[in-house]
Amino acid sequence: MLEMTPPEADELEVSLFGPGFGECVLVHLGSDEWMIIDSCLHKGEKHPAPLDYLKKIGVQPSSAVKLIIATHWHDDHVKGLGEVVRECVSARFWCSQALFAREFIALTDLWKKQASQDSPLNEFSLVMEALGRSGRMQKDPLGKVGFGFASANKCIWKRPINSHISETVRREIHSLSPREAAVKSAFETVAAMFPTRGVLRQPIPSRPNQSSVVLWVTIGNISILLGADMEEENNPYGGWKVIVNSTERPDGRATLIKVPHHGSSTGEYAPMWAKMLTPSPLAMLTPFTRLKIPLPTHDDIERIIRRTDKAFISATVRNRGQQRRNPEVRRTMREVLKWSRPIDEGFGQICARKKIPSSVDSGWQVQLFGDACRLDALLRN
């Protein structure tokens, strides 16, 4: 079994957890400073995966985590986020402005009073409570508050020269989305969720995902692209085409990508791979099994592997049980069930590290924990 050890002060680490319930990205920004993007729980565990991992390697989340970013409010990205915000008291919280609109806050409060505790809206209610109790809703002596709104081409974190690493190191994080039109569309979606005639509707995520927060991270001469769940297909308010063609986004090409939207074809945009990434970058993704046809599909896997020979997935989940059934049984199940998934959804961690700054030809060092594996292994099973 591989041993979990903390990264060195001059090491960049990107860890992807999932699926269990959802996905989460954890980034060591150097000098013992960390960023948590979204949150997820290992099936059967009570605490968020990033917090468990940090404690296992001897890192205190309360002081080490400097940023928490909620890319969007879908339930597979926010489970345990309230606890993350509550425990990481030194972190500034970032999200789309749509998630702090009065309409969204009112909806979370209404859902908390009338509905199940499993809703992602309840999780955001816990986030707001944690921010309020810790004083991060109030301005500090410099006039700043403990939360901010991510938007297209915005620098959300920047640190001056860090002498512990190198005098030439630059550390910056930019949000590449959402655009104003996507936020406006999200407001309209939230407004449509309010109850009519006293009946509280089940919140239905909008499709395509328009307001997800895509991140570009630059540490020294290393860049990474974290694609969240941004979709391109039929997206009139942003998507990858707008991001790629923007003249305001940071320059450079990333050597690592968190593949958007579980590798699905809706998050695919060929110019993104050609213009924002180096050839054959390290690619990470999580599966999504709560669909009739789980993601990534066989075609999705083949497409990603054609783009890079360094692709990894956080779990080996495939709907094998359904594949072994005869056609008549499968047809009957499709008629009876809205969707099906394996009982064991699997859970793993992809951990990639690289020295800061990095030599031009040095690659990422990858360790796999739990059910994580190379993406091409799924084609052999």
Protein backbone atom coordinates (compact mmCIF):
# COMPACT_ATOMS: atom_id res chain seq x y z
CA MET A 1 0.00 0.00 0.00
CA LEU A 2 1.32 3.45 -0.90
CA GLU A 3 2.14 5.76 1.97
CA MET A 4 0.52 9.18 2.24
CA THR A 5 3.12 11.84 2.99
CA PRO A 6 2.84 15.63 2.90
CA PRO A 7 4.32 17.55 -0.03
CA GLU A 8 7.49 19.58 0.44
CA ALA A 9 7.19 23.35 0.76
CA ASP A 10 8.52 23.66 -2.80
CA GLU A 11 6.15 21.05 -4.28
CA LEU A 12 2.90 21.69 -6.10
CA GLU A 13 0.30 18.99 -5.45
CA VAL A 14 -3.04 18.44 -7.18
CA SER A 15 -5.27 15.75 -5.69
CA LEU A 16 -8.62 14.71 -7.14
CA PHE A 17 -11.05 12.75 -4.94
CA GLY A 18 -14.19 10.91 -6.01
CA PRO A 19 -16.73 9.77 -6.67
CA GLY A 20 -18.15 8.25 -3.45
CA PHE A 21 -20.58 11.11 -3.39
CA GLY A 22 -19.25 13.77 -5.71
CA GLU A 23 -15.80 15.13 -6.49
CA CYS A 24 -13.27 17.47 -4.94
CA VAL A 25 -9.92 18.98 -5.96
CA LEU A 26 -7.26 19.82 -3.38
CA VAL A 27 -4.21 21.89 -4.38
CA HIS A 28 -1.01 22.56 -2.46
CA LEU A 29 0.05 26.02 -3.64
CA GLY A 30 3.51 25.78 -2.11
CA SER A 31 4.81 27.00 1.24
CA ASP A 32 2.20 24.92 3.14
CA GLU A 33 -0.75 26.83 1.70
CA TRP A 34 -3.72 24.90 0.27
CA MET A 35 -6.87 25.42 -1.79
CA ILE A 36 -10.01 23.25 -1.68
CA ILE A 37 -12.34 23.22 -4.68
CA ASP A 38 -15.79 21.73 -4.03
CA SER A 39 -16.30 18.86 -1.58
CA CYS A 40 -17.24 15.20 -1.49
CA LEU A 41 -17.68 12.35 0.97
CA HIS A 42 -16.31 8.84 0.78
CA LYS A 43 -19.26 6.47 0.94
CA GLY A 44 -19.82 5.57 4.59
CA GLU A 45 -17.58 8.36 5.92
CA LYS A 46 -18.87 11.35 7.87
CA HIS A 47 -16.24 13.93 7.04
CA PRO A 48 -15.24 15.58 3.74
CA ALA A 49 -12.48 13.76 1.87
CA PRO A 50 -10.07 16.75 1.63
CA LEU A 51 -10.17 17.34 5.39
CA ASP A 52 -9.55 13.66 6.14
CA TYR A 53 -6.59 13.59 3.76
CA LEU A 54 -5.00 16.77 5.15
CA LYS A 55 -5.21 15.43 8.69
CA LYS A 56 -3.73 12.07 7.63
CA ILE A 57 -0.64 13.82 6.27
CA GLY A 58 -0.29 16.06 9.33
CA VAL A 59 -1.67 19.31 7.92
CA GLN A 60 -4.04 21.45 10.00
CA PRO A 61 -6.92 22.63 7.75
CA SER A 62 -7.81 25.48 10.10
CA SER A 63 -4.54 27.31 9.36
CA ALA A 64 -3.24 25.79 6.13
CA VAL A 65 -6.27 26.14 3.83
CA LYS A 66 -6.32 29.64 2.34
CA LEU A 67 -9.04 29.34 -0.32
CA ILE A 68 -12.28 27.38 -0.65
CA ILE A 69 -14.03 27.55 -4.01
CA ALA A 70 -17.51 26.30 -4.83
CA THR A 71 -17.61 25.88 -8.60
CA HIS A 72 -21.41 25.42 -8.69
CA TRP A 73 -24.23 24.13 -6.52
CA HIS A 74 -24.90 20.66 -8.00
CA ASP A 75 -25.16 18.02 -5.30
CA ASP A 76 -22.18 16.00 -6.55
CA HIS A 77 -19.86 18.94 -5.82
CA VAL A 78 -21.06 20.36 -2.49
CA LYS A 79 -21.55 17.43 -0.08
CA GLY A 80 -19.73 18.36 3.13
CA LEU A 81 -18.90 21.89 1.95
CA GLY A 82 -20.46 23.43 5.06
CA GLU A 83 -18.08 21.48 7.28
CA VAL A 84 -15.12 22.47 5.08
CA VAL A 85 -15.97 26.17 5.46
CA ARG A 86 -16.64 25.79 9.18
CA GLU A 87 -13.31 24.08 9.89
CA CYS A 88 -11.05 26.08 7.54
CA VAL A 89 -11.37 29.39 9.37
CA SER A 90 -8.34 30.96 7.65
CA ALA A 91 -9.77 30.44 4.18
CA ARG A 92 -11.55 32.92 1.97
CA PHE A 93 -14.64 31.47 0.28
CA TRP A 94 -15.24 32.04 -3.45
CA CYS A 95 -18.21 31.17 -5.64
CA SER A 96 -20.34 32.49 -8.47
CA GLN A 97 -22.29 35.62 -7.59
CA ALA A 98 -25.46 33.69 -8.38
CA LEU A 99 -24.97 31.67 -5.18
CA PHE A 100 -25.13 34.75 -2.98
CA ALA A 101 -28.05 36.44 -4.69
CA ARG A 102 -30.98 37.28 -2.42
CA GLU A 103 -33.17 34.89 -4.38
CA PHE A 104 -30.75 31.99 -3.88
CA ILE A 105 -30.39 32.69 -0.15
CA ALA A 106 -34.16 32.87 0.21
CA LEU A 107 -34.52 29.57 -1.62
CA THR A 108 -31.96 27.85 0.60
CA ASP A 109 -33.76 29.11 3.70
CA LEU A 110 -37.13 27.92 2.39
CA TRP A 111 -35.75 24.51 1.45
CA LYS A 112 -34.11 24.11 4.86
CA LYS A 113 -37.44 24.68 6.62
CA GLN A 114 -39.64 22.50 4.45
CA ALA A 115 -37.64 19.76 2.77
CA SER A 116 -35.09 16.98 3.08
CA GLN A 117 -31.68 17.67 4.57
CA ASP A 118 -30.01 16.01 1.59
CA SER A 119 -30.54 18.92 -0.78
CA PRO A 120 -27.51 20.85 -2.07
CA LEU A 121 -29.44 23.98 -1.09
CA ASN A 122 -29.17 22.90 2.54
CA GLU A 123 -25.42 22.53 2.15
CA PHE A 124 -25.16 26.15 1.01
CA SER A 125 -27.24 27.19 3.99
CA LEU A 126 -24.57 25.56 6.18
CA VAL A 127 -21.86 27.42 4.25
CA MET A 128 -23.54 30.77 4.90
CA GLU A 129 -23.99 29.95 8.58
CA ALA A 130 -20.32 29.01 8.90
CA LEU A 131 -19.19 32.22 7.21
CA GLY A 132 -21.41 34.27 9.50
CA ARG A 133 -20.34 32.57 12.73
CA SER A 134 -16.64 32.92 11.90
CA GLY A 135 -17.00 36.62 11.15
CA ARG A 136 -16.04 36.23 7.50
CA MET A 137 -19.16 38.11 6.45
CA GLN A 138 -17.75 41.21 8.18
CA LYS A 139 -15.06 43.54 6.84
CA ASP A 140 -11.57 43.28 8.34
CA PRO A 141 -9.37 46.36 9.08
CA LEU A 142 -8.31 46.39 5.43
CA GLY A 143 -11.91 46.51 4.23
CA LYS A 144 -11.99 42.92 2.97
CA VAL A 145 -14.54 40.22 3.70
CA GLY A 146 -14.05 36.47 3.91
CA PHE A 147 -15.84 35.68 0.69
CA GLY A 148 -15.70 36.79 -2.91
CA PHE A 149 -17.36 36.28 -6.26
CA ALA A 150 -15.54 34.51 -9.06
CA SER A 151 -16.14 35.72 -12.60
CA ALA A 152 -14.56 35.56 -16.04
CA ASN A 153 -10.87 36.56 -16.19
CA LYS A 154 -10.55 37.61 -12.55
CA CYS A 155 -7.46 37.17 -10.36
CA ILE A 156 -8.82 35.78 -7.10
CA TRP A 157 -5.54 35.01 -5.32
CA LYS A 158 -2.01 36.30 -5.68
CA ARG A 159 0.95 36.12 -3.41
CA PRO A 160 4.16 38.17 -3.50
CA ILE A 161 7.59 36.60 -3.96
CA ASN A 162 7.99 33.74 -1.51
CA SER A 163 11.59 33.48 -0.31
CA HIS A 164 10.99 29.96 1.00
CA ILE A 165 10.75 28.72 -2.57
CA SER A 166 12.50 31.01 -5.03
CA GLU A 167 12.76 34.70 -5.74
CA THR A 168 11.37 34.14 -9.23
CA VAL A 169 8.19 32.26 -8.31
CA ARG A 170 4.82 33.74 -9.19
CA ARG A 171 1.68 32.27 -7.59
CA GLU A 172 -1.67 33.32 -9.01
CA ILE A 173 -5.15 31.88 -9.37
CA HIS A 174 -7.59 33.20 -11.98
CA SER A 175 -11.24 32.34 -12.46
CA LEU A 176 -12.05 32.05 -16.18
CA SER A 177 -15.83 31.95 -15.70
CA PRO A 178 -18.73 32.60 -15.27
CA ARG A 179 -19.61 35.47 -17.55
CA GLU A 180 -22.31 38.02 -16.68
CA ALA A 181 -24.80 36.44 -19.05
CA ALA A 182 -24.35 33.05 -17.35
CA VAL A 183 -24.95 34.58 -13.92
CA LYS A 184 -28.09 36.29 -15.18
CA SER A 185 -29.31 32.98 -16.57
CA ALA A 186 -28.63 31.35 -13.19
CA PHE A 187 -30.76 34.02 -11.47
CA GLU A 188 -33.63 33.16 -13.79
CA THR A 189 -33.22 29.44 -13.06
CA VAL A 190 -33.35 30.09 -9.31
CA ALA A 191 -36.46 32.24 -9.66
CA ALA A 192 -38.23 29.39 -11.48
CA MET A 193 -37.59 27.06 -8.54
CA PHE A 194 -39.76 28.95 -6.07
CA PRO A 195 -42.89 27.07 -4.99
CA THR A 196 -46.26 27.62 -6.61
CA ARG A 197 -49.44 27.11 -4.60
CA GLY A 198 -47.38 26.20 -1.56
CA VAL A 199 -45.67 23.24 -3.20
CA LEU A 200 -41.89 23.22 -2.92
CA ARG A 201 -40.30 21.96 -6.11
CA GLN A 202 -37.32 19.66 -6.25
CA PRO A 203 -34.37 21.78 -7.45
CA ILE A 204 -33.33 20.68 -10.93
CA PRO A 205 -29.83 21.64 -12.11
CA SER A 206 -29.81 23.67 -15.30
CA ARG A 207 -28.43 22.14 -18.49
CA PRO A 208 -26.03 22.90 -19.90
CA ASN A 209 -23.90 23.97 -16.94
CA GLN A 210 -23.29 27.65 -17.68
CA SER A 211 -22.15 29.21 -14.41
CA SER A 212 -19.49 26.73 -13.28
CA VAL A 213 -16.23 28.32 -12.09
CA VAL A 214 -13.27 27.25 -14.24
CA LEU A 215 -9.85 27.95 -12.68
CA TRP A 216 -6.39 28.65 -14.07
CA VAL A 217 -3.59 28.18 -11.53
CA THR A 218 -0.03 29.42 -12.13
CA ILE A 219 2.75 28.45 -9.72
CA GLY A 220 6.16 29.51 -11.00
CA ASN A 221 6.45 28.13 -14.54
CA ILE A 222 3.71 25.53 -13.99
CA SER A 223 0.08 26.08 -15.04
CA ILE A 224 -2.92 23.86 -14.44
CA LEU A 225 -6.49 24.05 -15.77
CA LEU A 226 -9.34 22.93 -13.51
CA GLY A 227 -12.41 22.53 -15.72
CA ALA A 228 -15.09 21.94 -13.05
CA ASP A 229 -18.33 20.98 -14.87
CA MET A 230 -18.20 23.62 -17.61
CA GLU A 231 -20.07 22.45 -20.70
CA GLU A 232 -19.76 23.62 -24.28
CA GLU A 233 -22.59 21.85 -26.08
CA ASN A 234 -25.63 24.12 -26.61
CA ASN A 235 -24.25 26.68 -24.17
CA PRO A 236 -25.39 30.16 -25.26
CA TYR A 237 -23.95 32.04 -22.26
CA GLY A 238 -20.29 31.04 -22.19
CA GLY A 239 -18.80 27.61 -22.42
CA TRP A 240 -15.34 26.63 -23.56
CA LYS A 241 -15.41 28.53 -26.84
CA VAL A 242 -15.72 31.85 -25.04
CA ILE A 243 -13.00 30.91 -22.54
CA VAL A 244 -10.54 29.76 -25.21
CA ASN A 245 -11.11 32.82 -27.42
CA SER A 246 -10.85 35.36 -24.60
CA THR A 247 -8.02 37.84 -24.99
CA GLU A 248 -8.11 38.58 -21.26
CA ARG A 249 -7.33 35.13 -19.86
CA PRO A 250 -3.78 34.32 -18.66
CA ASP A 251 -1.23 33.28 -21.27
CA GLY A 252 0.48 29.93 -21.33
CA ARG A 253 -0.38 26.27 -21.64
CA ALA A 254 -1.28 23.98 -18.78
CA THR A 255 0.46 20.65 -18.21
CA LEU A 256 -2.42 19.29 -16.10
CA ILE A 257 -6.19 19.38 -16.59
CA LYS A 258 -9.10 18.33 -14.43
CA VAL A 259 -11.29 17.15 -17.29
CA PRO A 260 -14.64 18.97 -17.27
CA HIS A 261 -17.98 17.31 -16.60
CA HIS A 262 -16.71 13.78 -15.94
CA GLY A 263 -15.23 13.48 -19.42
CA SER A 264 -18.61 13.78 -21.12
CA SER A 265 -18.99 14.91 -24.73
CA THR A 266 -20.92 17.99 -23.54
CA GLY A 267 -17.76 19.32 -21.89
CA GLU A 268 -15.57 18.57 -24.91
CA TYR A 269 -14.09 21.36 -27.01
CA ALA A 270 -11.13 20.44 -29.20
CA PRO A 271 -9.58 23.97 -29.38
CA MET A 272 -9.32 23.95 -25.57
CA TRP A 273 -6.94 20.97 -25.77
CA ALA A 274 -5.05 22.53 -28.68
CA LYS A 275 -4.68 26.11 -27.38
CA MET A 276 -4.71 25.90 -23.56
CA LEU A 277 -2.84 22.64 -22.91
CA THR A 278 0.55 21.19 -23.72
CA PRO A 279 0.62 18.08 -25.91
CA SER A 280 -0.42 14.96 -23.96
CA PRO A 281 -1.06 16.71 -20.62
CA LEU A 282 -1.76 14.89 -17.37
CA ALA A 283 -5.57 14.48 -17.31
CA MET A 284 -7.67 13.70 -14.22
CA LEU A 285 -11.38 12.99 -14.01
CA THR A 286 -14.04 11.41 -11.84
CA PRO A 287 -16.87 9.17 -13.02
CA PHE A 288 -20.55 10.02 -12.56
CA THR A 289 -22.77 6.98 -12.10
CA ARG A 290 -26.13 8.53 -11.25
CA LEU A 291 -27.31 8.41 -14.83
CA LYS A 292 -28.89 5.73 -16.97
CA ILE A 293 -25.62 5.69 -18.92
CA PRO A 294 -22.72 6.44 -16.54
CA LEU A 295 -20.00 8.95 -17.41
CA PRO A 296 -17.53 8.72 -18.96
CA THR A 297 -18.96 6.51 -21.69
CA HIS A 298 -16.83 4.11 -23.71
CA ASP A 299 -16.65 6.71 -26.51
CA ASP A 300 -15.66 9.41 -24.01
CA ILE A 301 -12.81 7.26 -22.69
CA GLU A 302 -11.49 6.54 -26.17
CA ARG A 303 -11.66 10.26 -27.10
CA ILE A 304 -9.70 11.35 -24.00
CA ILE A 305 -7.08 8.64 -24.48
CA ARG A 306 -6.54 9.83 -28.04
CA ARG A 307 -5.73 13.28 -26.64
CA THR A 308 -3.31 12.10 -23.94
CA ASP A 309 -1.56 8.93 -22.83
CA LYS A 310 -1.49 10.23 -19.25
CA ALA A 311 -5.16 10.07 -18.25
CA PHE A 312 -6.35 8.87 -14.85
CA ILE A 313 -9.78 8.32 -13.28
CA SER A 314 -10.57 8.32 -9.57
CA ALA A 315 -12.60 5.09 -9.60
CA THR A 316 -13.11 2.05 -11.80
CA VAL A 317 -16.89 2.20 -11.66
CA ARG A 318 -18.55 0.65 -14.68
CA ASN A 319 -22.09 -0.62 -14.84
CA ARG A 320 -20.90 -4.18 -15.39
CA GLY A 321 -23.95 -5.77 -13.82
CA GLN A 322 -26.16 -4.17 -16.44
CA GLN A 323 -23.76 -5.13 -19.24
CA ARG A 324 -23.94 -8.85 -18.31
CA ARG A 325 -27.73 -9.00 -18.41
CA ASN A 326 -29.46 -10.22 -21.52
CA PRO A 327 -31.22 -7.67 -23.77
CA GLU A 328 -34.73 -8.53 -22.52
CA VAL A 329 -33.75 -7.95 -18.87
CA ARG A 330 -32.04 -4.66 -19.75
CA ARG A 331 -35.12 -3.51 -21.67
CA THR A 332 -37.40 -4.33 -18.74
CA MET A 333 -35.15 -2.46 -16.31
CA ARG A 334 -35.12 0.61 -18.56
CA GLU A 335 -38.93 0.58 -18.60
CA VAL A 336 -39.21 0.25 -14.80
CA LEU A 337 -36.27 2.32 -13.53
CA LYS A 338 -35.45 5.94 -14.26
CA TRP A 339 -31.78 5.18 -13.67
CA SER A 340 -29.60 2.54 -12.10
CA ARG A 341 -26.09 2.42 -10.69
CA PRO A 342 -23.76 -0.13 -9.10
CA ILE A 343 -24.12 -0.68 -5.36
CA ASP A 344 -20.40 0.03 -4.85
CA GLU A 345 -19.63 3.30 -6.58
CA GLY A 346 -15.97 3.14 -5.67
CA PHE A 347 -13.73 5.90 -4.35
CA GLY A 348 -10.18 6.92 -5.04
CA GLN A 349 -7.61 9.70 -5.06
CA ILE A 350 -5.30 10.77 -7.86
CA CYS A 351 -2.32 12.63 -6.40
CA ALA A 352 0.07 14.47 -8.74
CA ARG A 353 3.14 16.40 -7.58
CA LYS A 354 5.77 18.54 -9.23
CA LYS A 355 8.68 20.65 -7.93
CA ILE A 356 8.38 24.46 -7.93
CA PRO A 357 9.81 25.81 -10.16
CA SER A 358 9.96 22.90 -12.55
CA SER A 359 12.50 22.09 -15.23
CA VAL A 360 11.06 22.11 -18.73
CA ASP A 361 11.29 18.37 -19.24
CA SER A 362 10.26 17.18 -15.76
CA GLY A 363 6.95 15.36 -15.57
CA TRP A 364 4.32 14.98 -12.89
CA GLN A 365 4.82 12.28 -10.27
CA VAL A 366 1.50 10.46 -9.90
CA GLN A 367 0.29 8.25 -7.05
CA LEU A 368 -3.05 6.44 -7.04
CA PHE A 369 -4.98 5.54 -3.91
CA GLY A 370 -8.13 3.50 -3.41
CA ASP A 371 -9.96 2.70 -6.65
CA ALA A 372 -8.11 5.24 -8.80
CA CYS A 373 -6.52 3.85 -11.97
CA ARG A 374 -5.34 4.70 -15.46
CA LEU A 375 -8.27 5.63 -17.68
CA ASP A 376 -7.28 3.11 -20.36
CA ALA A 377 -7.67 0.31 -17.80
CA LEU A 378 -11.44 0.71 -18.11
CA LEU A 379 -11.26 -0.36 -21.74
CA ARG A 380 -9.52 -3.58 -20.75
CA ASN A 381 -12.13 -4.56 -18.13
